[in-house]
Amino acid sequence: MSAMGSFLSSLPLHLLCCLTVSWLLLLPSHSADPDPLQDFCVANLSASISVNGFPCKPVSAVTSDDFFFDGLTKEGNTTNIFSSSVTPGNVLTFPGLNTLGLSMNRVDFAPGGINPPHLHPRATETGVVIEGKLLVGFVTSNNVFYSKVLTAGQMFVIPRGLVHFQLNVGEGKVHTVTAFNSHLPGAVVVPINLFASSIPNKVLTKTFQVDADVINTIRSKFRS
């Protein structure tokens, strides 16, 4: 076979490889938030423009305080139905995180307190127990349950978008610090989304195979 014939016979394969590489290059980043296009973009939370994120505060108005946050130093108020408190360190409370693709929370638990089943639609979560004894668990999309009891200094990771919880199983308080690969990971708290929303009762009675009285009783716990 001539050189020209060999080239022509292999041309479809070359085209396929080029198309495959081009397609892979066009795939979005695996990070939860897009990469920033500048050194920083301190969020202008009062801007009237709505974008996927927040517009930047003018550089001339940026100060050192925009890059520091002490909100996680304070213990949260756990006087509520779940006996737990989440103190967010995300772009809404710490505007310097805007576009940087990370945030942190402090979570406090009274004895017996729970961070109820919830998920973060925009981020993977990792955390470390600072004080106490905590049961951490999550359920996969295949309905497989993973869990472990952790003590101070031990870490956990929750894959993005999976339902998970934390439960204080010790005798004292628990304090954890969690981190996310998004400046605003979001939180879908399962019991609140189901029973404090306007989802029709007939949907919930059919879903959980119970009478309306049961649904109304559960709803009454979350209406406040």
C-alpha atoms as a PDB file:
ATOM      1  CA  MET A   1       0.000   0.000   0.000  1.00  0.00           C
ATOM      2  CA  SER A   2       1.290   3.478  -0.878  1.00  0.00           C
ATOM      3  CA  ALA A   3       1.991   6.127   1.742  1.00  0.00           C
ATOM      4  CA  MET A   4      -1.035   8.086   0.513  1.00  0.00           C
ATOM      5  CA  GLY A   5      -3.208   4.983   0.809  1.00  0.00           C
ATOM      6  CA  SER A   6      -2.039   4.329   4.376  1.00  0.00           C
ATOM      7  CA  PHE A   7      -2.766   7.932   5.310  1.00  0.00           C
ATOM      8  CA  LEU A   8      -6.280   7.822   3.851  1.00  0.00           C
ATOM      9  CA  SER A   9      -7.085   4.503   5.512  1.00  0.00           C
ATOM     10  CA  SER A  10      -6.082   5.870   8.916  1.00  0.00           C
ATOM     11  CA  LEU A  11      -7.803   9.246   8.432  1.00  0.00           C
ATOM     12  CA  PRO A  12     -11.103   8.238  10.126  1.00  0.00           C
ATOM     13  CA  LEU A  13      -9.189   7.110  13.219  1.00  0.00           C
ATOM     14  CA  HIS A  14      -7.250  10.394  13.354  1.00  0.00           C
ATOM     15  CA  LEU A  15     -10.467  12.374  13.010  1.00  0.00           C
ATOM     16  CA  LEU A  16     -12.107  10.338  15.782  1.00  0.00           C
ATOM     17  CA  CYS A  17      -9.150  10.974  18.122  1.00  0.00           C
ATOM     18  CA  CYS A  18      -9.208  14.706  17.368  1.00  0.00           C
ATOM     19  CA  LEU A  19     -12.946  14.909  17.984  1.00  0.00           C
ATOM     20  CA  THR A  20     -12.616  12.972  21.255  1.00  0.00           C
ATOM     21  CA  VAL A  21      -9.853  15.269  22.556  1.00  0.00           C
ATOM     22  CA  SER A  22     -11.852  18.337  21.530  1.00  0.00           C
ATOM     23  CA  TRP A  23     -14.929  17.010  23.333  1.00  0.00           C
ATOM     24  CA  LEU A  24     -12.929  16.321  26.499  1.00  0.00           C
ATOM     25  CA  LEU A  25     -11.460  19.822  26.439  1.00  0.00           C
ATOM     26  CA  LEU A  26     -14.960  21.266  26.294  1.00  0.00           C
ATOM     27  CA  LEU A  27     -16.126  19.390  29.391  1.00  0.00           C
ATOM     28  CA  PRO A  28     -16.766  21.616  32.419  1.00  0.00           C
ATOM     29  CA  SER A  29     -14.360  21.638  35.349  1.00  0.00           C
ATOM     30  CA  HIS A  30     -14.874  19.023  38.045  1.00  0.00           C
ATOM     31  CA  SER A  31     -14.636  21.704  40.735  1.00  0.00           C
ATOM     32  CA  ALA A  32     -17.915  22.784  42.293  1.00  0.00           C
ATOM     33  CA  ASP A  33     -17.441  26.467  41.413  1.00  0.00           C
ATOM     34  CA  PRO A  34     -15.869  27.953  38.266  1.00  0.00           C
ATOM     35  CA  ASP A  35     -12.266  29.103  38.490  1.00  0.00           C
ATOM     36  CA  PRO A  36     -11.825  32.803  39.336  1.00  0.00           C
ATOM     37  CA  LEU A  37     -10.571  35.160  36.632  1.00  0.00           C
ATOM     38  CA  GLN A  38      -8.807  37.558  39.015  1.00  0.00           C
ATOM     39  CA  ASP A  39      -6.911  37.502  42.326  1.00  0.00           C
ATOM     40  CA  PHE A  40     -10.110  38.073  44.294  1.00  0.00           C
ATOM     41  CA  CYS A  41     -13.683  39.236  43.904  1.00  0.00           C
ATOM     42  CA  VAL A  42     -15.085  40.338  47.256  1.00  0.00           C
ATOM     43  CA  ALA A  43     -18.849  39.938  46.944  1.00  0.00           C
ATOM     44  CA  ASN A  44     -21.035  42.999  46.664  1.00  0.00           C
ATOM     45  CA  LEU A  45     -24.034  41.518  48.469  1.00  0.00           C
ATOM     46  CA  SER A  46     -26.125  44.639  47.995  1.00  0.00           C
ATOM     47  CA  ALA A  47     -25.778  44.776  44.203  1.00  0.00           C
ATOM     48  CA  SER A  48     -29.039  44.819  42.254  1.00  0.00           C
ATOM     49  CA  ILE A  49     -27.608  42.726  39.420  1.00  0.00           C
ATOM     50  CA  SER A  50     -28.449  39.031  39.655  1.00  0.00           C
ATOM     51  CA  VAL A  51     -25.777  36.655  38.352  1.00  0.00           C
ATOM     52  CA  ASN A  52     -24.597  33.118  39.055  1.00  0.00           C
ATOM     53  CA  GLY A  53     -22.676  34.317  42.076  1.00  0.00           C
ATOM     54  CA  PHE A  54     -22.122  37.895  43.174  1.00  0.00           C
ATOM     55  CA  PRO A  55     -20.560  40.862  41.354  1.00  0.00           C
ATOM     56  CA  CYS A  56     -17.269  42.173  42.663  1.00  0.00           C
ATOM     57  CA  LYS A  57     -16.959  44.982  45.130  1.00  0.00           C
ATOM     58  CA  PRO A  58     -14.849  47.797  43.615  1.00  0.00           C
ATOM     59  CA  VAL A  59     -11.188  47.129  44.359  1.00  0.00           C
ATOM     60  CA  SER A  60     -10.865  50.633  45.744  1.00  0.00           C
ATOM     61  CA  ALA A  61     -13.444  49.740  48.412  1.00  0.00           C
ATOM     62  CA  VAL A  62     -11.762  46.463  49.471  1.00  0.00           C
ATOM     63  CA  THR A  63     -10.120  46.426  52.912  1.00  0.00           C
ATOM     64  CA  SER A  64      -8.170  43.902  54.974  1.00  0.00           C
ATOM     65  CA  ASP A  65     -11.330  43.058  56.916  1.00  0.00           C
ATOM     66  CA  ASP A  66     -12.854  41.590  53.740  1.00  0.00           C
ATOM     67  CA  PHE A  67     -10.394  38.680  53.989  1.00  0.00           C
ATOM     68  CA  PHE A  68     -10.919  37.755  57.650  1.00  0.00           C
ATOM     69  CA  PHE A  69     -13.934  36.279  59.471  1.00  0.00           C
ATOM     70  CA  ASP A  70     -14.376  35.442  63.160  1.00  0.00           C
ATOM     71  CA  GLY A  71     -17.884  34.002  63.011  1.00  0.00           C
ATOM     72  CA  LEU A  72     -16.743  30.440  63.682  1.00  0.00           C
ATOM     73  CA  THR A  73     -15.250  31.381  67.060  1.00  0.00           C
ATOM     74  CA  LYS A  74     -18.701  31.672  68.645  1.00  0.00           C
ATOM     75  CA  GLU A  75     -20.686  28.676  69.922  1.00  0.00           C
ATOM     76  CA  GLY A  76     -24.068  28.423  68.224  1.00  0.00           C
ATOM     77  CA  ASN A  77     -27.436  28.466  69.976  1.00  0.00           C
ATOM     78  CA  THR A  78     -28.657  24.856  70.172  1.00  0.00           C
ATOM     79  CA  THR A  79     -32.027  25.701  71.747  1.00  0.00           C
ATOM     80  CA  ASN A  80     -34.222  24.342  68.946  1.00  0.00           C
ATOM     81  CA  ILE A  81     -36.037  21.157  67.941  1.00  0.00           C
ATOM     82  CA  PHE A  82     -32.828  19.549  66.663  1.00  0.00           C
ATOM     83  CA  SER A  83     -30.602  20.691  69.568  1.00  0.00           C
ATOM     84  CA  SER A  84     -27.947  21.734  67.067  1.00  0.00           C
ATOM     85  CA  SER A  85     -26.729  24.887  65.375  1.00  0.00           C
ATOM     86  CA  VAL A  86     -24.965  25.549  62.080  1.00  0.00           C
ATOM     87  CA  THR A  87     -22.890  28.727  61.855  1.00  0.00           C
ATOM     88  CA  PRO A  88     -22.099  29.318  58.179  1.00  0.00           C
ATOM     89  CA  GLY A  89     -18.851  30.755  56.888  1.00  0.00           C
ATOM     90  CA  ASN A  90     -19.955  31.077  53.272  1.00  0.00           C
ATOM     91  CA  VAL A  91     -20.068  33.958  50.818  1.00  0.00           C
ATOM     92  CA  LEU A  92     -23.221  35.358  52.447  1.00  0.00           C
ATOM     93  CA  THR A  93     -21.456  35.866  55.778  1.00  0.00           C
ATOM     94  CA  PHE A  94     -17.865  36.142  54.504  1.00  0.00           C
ATOM     95  CA  PRO A  95     -17.993  37.997  51.139  1.00  0.00           C
ATOM     96  CA  GLY A  96     -14.241  37.555  50.592  1.00  0.00           C
ATOM     97  CA  LEU A  97     -14.950  33.931  49.638  1.00  0.00           C
ATOM     98  CA  ASN A  98     -16.769  34.984  46.476  1.00  0.00           C
ATOM     99  CA  THR A  99     -15.522  33.009  43.401  1.00  0.00           C
ATOM    100  CA  LEU A 100     -12.843  31.201  45.445  1.00  0.00           C
ATOM    101  CA  GLY A 101     -14.678  27.862  45.557  1.00  0.00           C
ATOM    102  CA  LEU A 102     -14.602  27.107  49.272  1.00  0.00           C
ATOM    103  CA  SER A 103     -16.441  27.770  52.518  1.00  0.00           C
ATOM    104  CA  MET A 104     -16.627  26.439  56.076  1.00  0.00           C
ATOM    105  CA  ASN A 105     -19.258  25.889  58.762  1.00  0.00           C
ATOM    106  CA  ARG A 106     -19.174  25.467  62.504  1.00  0.00           C
ATOM    107  CA  VAL A 107     -21.699  22.957  63.833  1.00  0.00           C
ATOM    108  CA  ASP A 108     -22.546  22.721  67.546  1.00  0.00           C
ATOM    109  CA  PHE A 109     -24.572  19.935  69.161  1.00  0.00           C
ATOM    110  CA  ALA A 110     -26.139  19.791  72.589  1.00  0.00           C
ATOM    111  CA  PRO A 111     -26.277  16.293  74.147  1.00  0.00           C
ATOM    112  CA  GLY A 112     -28.520  14.204  71.913  1.00  0.00           C
ATOM    113  CA  GLY A 113     -28.485  16.884  69.203  1.00  0.00           C
ATOM    114  CA  ILE A 114     -28.756  16.052  65.519  1.00  0.00           C
ATOM    115  CA  ASN A 115     -27.943  17.730  62.240  1.00  0.00           C
ATOM    116  CA  PRO A 116     -30.889  16.070  60.484  1.00  0.00           C
ATOM    117  CA  PRO A 117     -30.709  14.285  57.133  1.00  0.00           C
ATOM    118  CA  HIS A 118     -29.800  16.836  54.483  1.00  0.00           C
ATOM    119  CA  LEU A 119     -27.718  17.266  51.345  1.00  0.00           C
ATOM    120  CA  HIS A 120     -25.544  19.905  49.713  1.00  0.00           C
ATOM    121  CA  PRO A 121     -26.419  20.229  46.022  1.00  0.00           C
ATOM    122  CA  ARG A 122     -23.308  22.162  45.049  1.00  0.00           C
ATOM    123  CA  ALA A 123     -20.436  20.731  47.094  1.00  0.00           C
ATOM    124  CA  THR A 124     -18.623  17.825  48.667  1.00  0.00           C
ATOM    125  CA  GLU A 125     -18.266  18.198  52.438  1.00  0.00           C
ATOM    126  CA  THR A 126     -15.386  17.286  54.696  1.00  0.00           C
ATOM    127  CA  GLY A 127     -15.165  17.909  58.414  1.00  0.00           C
ATOM    128  CA  VAL A 128     -13.270  17.337  61.621  1.00  0.00           C
ATOM    129  CA  VAL A 129     -14.614  16.733  65.106  1.00  0.00           C
ATOM    130  CA  ILE A 130     -13.126  19.283  67.498  1.00  0.00           C
ATOM    131  CA  GLU A 131     -14.855  18.095  70.652  1.00  0.00           C
ATOM    132  CA  GLY A 132     -17.189  15.254  71.628  1.00  0.00           C
ATOM    133  CA  LYS A 133     -18.447  12.019  70.109  1.00  0.00           C
ATOM    134  CA  LEU A 134     -20.345  12.140  66.818  1.00  0.00           C
ATOM    135  CA  LEU A 135     -22.097   9.564  64.640  1.00  0.00           C
ATOM    136  CA  VAL A 136     -21.722  10.571  60.982  1.00  0.00           C
ATOM    137  CA  GLY A 137     -23.543   8.742  58.211  1.00  0.00           C
ATOM    138  CA  PHE A 138     -24.640   9.047  54.597  1.00  0.00           C
ATOM    139  CA  VAL A 139     -26.683   7.068  52.068  1.00  0.00           C
ATOM    140  CA  THR A 140     -25.579   6.515  48.465  1.00  0.00           C
ATOM    141  CA  SER A 141     -27.770   6.742  45.375  1.00  0.00           C
ATOM    142  CA  ASN A 142     -27.865   2.916  45.511  1.00  0.00           C
ATOM    143  CA  ASN A 143     -29.373   3.103  49.026  1.00  0.00           C
ATOM    144  CA  VAL A 144     -26.194   1.862  50.744  1.00  0.00           C
ATOM    145  CA  PHE A 145     -25.636   3.302  54.220  1.00  0.00           C
ATOM    146  CA  TYR A 146     -22.156   4.164  55.540  1.00  0.00           C
ATOM    147  CA  SER A 147     -21.484   5.461  59.048  1.00  0.00           C
ATOM    148  CA  LYS A 148     -18.938   5.713  61.840  1.00  0.00           C
ATOM    149  CA  VAL A 149     -18.680   7.176  65.334  1.00  0.00           C
ATOM    150  CA  LEU A 150     -15.935   9.818  65.448  1.00  0.00           C
ATOM    151  CA  THR A 151     -14.132  11.560  68.293  1.00  0.00           C
ATOM    152  CA  ALA A 152     -11.969  14.667  68.523  1.00  0.00           C
ATOM    153  CA  GLY A 153      -9.391  14.956  65.754  1.00  0.00           C
ATOM    154  CA  GLN A 154     -11.072  12.491  63.386  1.00  0.00           C
ATOM    155  CA  MET A 155     -12.313  13.515  59.937  1.00  0.00           C
ATOM    156  CA  PHE A 156     -15.133  12.568  57.602  1.00  0.00           C
ATOM    157  CA  VAL A 157     -16.081  13.234  53.986  1.00  0.00           C
ATOM    158  CA  ILE A 158     -19.544  13.331  52.401  1.00  0.00           C
ATOM    159  CA  PRO A 159     -19.689  13.068  48.589  1.00  0.00           C
ATOM    160  CA  ARG A 160     -21.554  15.865  46.850  1.00  0.00           C
ATOM    161  CA  GLY A 161     -25.340  15.625  46.745  1.00  0.00           C
ATOM    162  CA  LEU A 162     -25.743  12.609  49.059  1.00  0.00           C
ATOM    163  CA  VAL A 163     -28.139  12.616  52.020  1.00  0.00           C
ATOM    164  CA  HIS A 164     -26.236  12.597  55.314  1.00  0.00           C
ATOM    165  CA  PHE A 165     -26.550  13.434  59.003  1.00  0.00           C
ATOM    166  CA  GLN A 166     -24.566  13.893  62.211  1.00  0.00           C
ATOM    167  CA  LEU A 167     -25.805  12.796  65.647  1.00  0.00           C
ATOM    168  CA  ASN A 168     -24.276  13.532  69.035  1.00  0.00           C
ATOM    169  CA  VAL A 169     -23.920  10.112  70.683  1.00  0.00           C
ATOM    170  CA  GLY A 170     -21.777  11.260  73.588  1.00  0.00           C
ATOM    171  CA  GLU A 171     -22.671  12.590  77.011  1.00  0.00           C
ATOM    172  CA  GLY A 172     -21.448  16.160  76.446  1.00  0.00           C
ATOM    173  CA  LYS A 173     -21.441  18.794  73.732  1.00  0.00           C
ATOM    174  CA  VAL A 174     -20.036  18.260  70.251  1.00  0.00           C
ATOM    175  CA  HIS A 175     -18.265  20.857  68.124  1.00  0.00           C
ATOM    176  CA  THR A 176     -17.270  20.242  64.509  1.00  0.00           C
ATOM    177  CA  VAL A 177     -15.860  22.333  61.690  1.00  0.00           C
ATOM    178  CA  THR A 178     -16.803  21.432  58.122  1.00  0.00           C
ATOM    179  CA  ALA A 179     -15.464  22.604  54.762  1.00  0.00           C
ATOM    180  CA  PHE A 180     -16.954  22.669  51.247  1.00  0.00           C
ATOM    181  CA  ASN A 181     -15.590  23.085  47.730  1.00  0.00           C
ATOM    182  CA  SER A 182     -18.092  25.846  46.969  1.00  0.00           C
ATOM    183  CA  HIS A 183     -18.481  29.382  48.265  1.00  0.00           C
ATOM    184  CA  LEU A 184     -22.221  28.653  48.661  1.00  0.00           C
ATOM    185  CA  PRO A 185     -22.849  24.881  48.904  1.00  0.00           C
ATOM    186  CA  GLY A 186     -26.558  25.142  49.718  1.00  0.00           C
ATOM    187  CA  ALA A 187     -28.439  22.839  52.072  1.00  0.00           C
ATOM    188  CA  VAL A 188     -31.589  20.831  51.443  1.00  0.00           C
ATOM    189  CA  VAL A 189     -32.797  19.750  54.898  1.00  0.00           C
ATOM    190  CA  VAL A 190     -35.025  16.756  54.194  1.00  0.00           C
ATOM    191  CA  PRO A 191     -37.630  17.024  57.003  1.00  0.00           C
ATOM    192  CA  ILE A 192     -38.007  20.785  56.583  1.00  0.00           C
ATOM    193  CA  ASN A 193     -38.240  20.621  52.791  1.00  0.00           C
ATOM    194  CA  LEU A 194     -40.876  17.921  52.990  1.00  0.00           C
ATOM    195  CA  PHE A 195     -42.990  19.010  55.942  1.00  0.00           C
ATOM    196  CA  ALA A 196     -42.534  22.790  56.165  1.00  0.00           C
ATOM    197  CA  SER A 197     -43.196  23.368  52.471  1.00  0.00           C
ATOM    198  CA  SER A 198     -46.450  23.484  50.518  1.00  0.00           C
ATOM    199  CA  ILE A 199     -46.117  19.995  49.054  1.00  0.00           C
ATOM    200  CA  PRO A 200     -49.718  18.651  48.957  1.00  0.00           C
ATOM    201  CA  ASN A 201     -50.638  16.195  51.694  1.00  0.00           C
ATOM    202  CA  LYS A 202     -51.811  13.679  49.106  1.00  0.00           C
ATOM    203  CA  VAL A 203     -48.242  13.500  47.752  1.00  0.00           C
ATOM    204  CA  LEU A 204     -46.806  12.821  51.212  1.00  0.00           C
ATOM    205  CA  THR A 205     -49.511  10.343  52.266  1.00  0.00           C
ATOM    206  CA  LYS A 206     -48.947   8.371  49.066  1.00  0.00           C
ATOM    207  CA  THR A 207     -45.157   8.584  49.380  1.00  0.00           C
ATOM    208  CA  PHE A 208     -44.983   7.449  53.008  1.00  0.00           C
ATOM    209  CA  GLN A 209     -48.064   5.189  52.887  1.00  0.00           C
ATOM    210  CA  VAL A 210     -49.678   6.825  55.928  1.00  0.00           C
ATOM    211  CA  ASP A 211     -52.902   8.698  56.719  1.00  0.00           C
ATOM    212  CA  ALA A 212     -53.216  12.475  56.451  1.00  0.00           C
ATOM    213  CA  ASP A 213     -53.414  12.724  60.252  1.00  0.00           C
ATOM    214  CA  VAL A 214     -49.845  11.417  60.497  1.00  0.00           C
ATOM    215  CA  ILE A 215     -48.610  13.959  57.955  1.00  0.00           C
ATOM    216  CA  ASN A 216     -50.417  16.802  59.735  1.00  0.00           C
ATOM    217  CA  THR A 217     -48.890  15.771  63.057  1.00  0.00           C
ATOM    218  CA  ILE A 218     -45.408  15.840  61.548  1.00  0.00           C
ATOM    219  CA  ARG A 219     -46.101  19.155  59.796  1.00  0.00           C
ATOM    220  CA  SER A 220     -47.086  20.711  63.107  1.00  0.00           C
ATOM    221  CA  LYS A 221     -43.553  20.094  64.397  1.00  0.00           C
ATOM    222  CA  PHE A 222     -42.005  22.231  61.659  1.00  0.00           C
ATOM    223  CA  ARG A 223     -44.482  25.046  61.039  1.00  0.00           C
ATOM    224  CA  SER A 224     -42.735  27.387  63.439  1.00  0.00           C
END
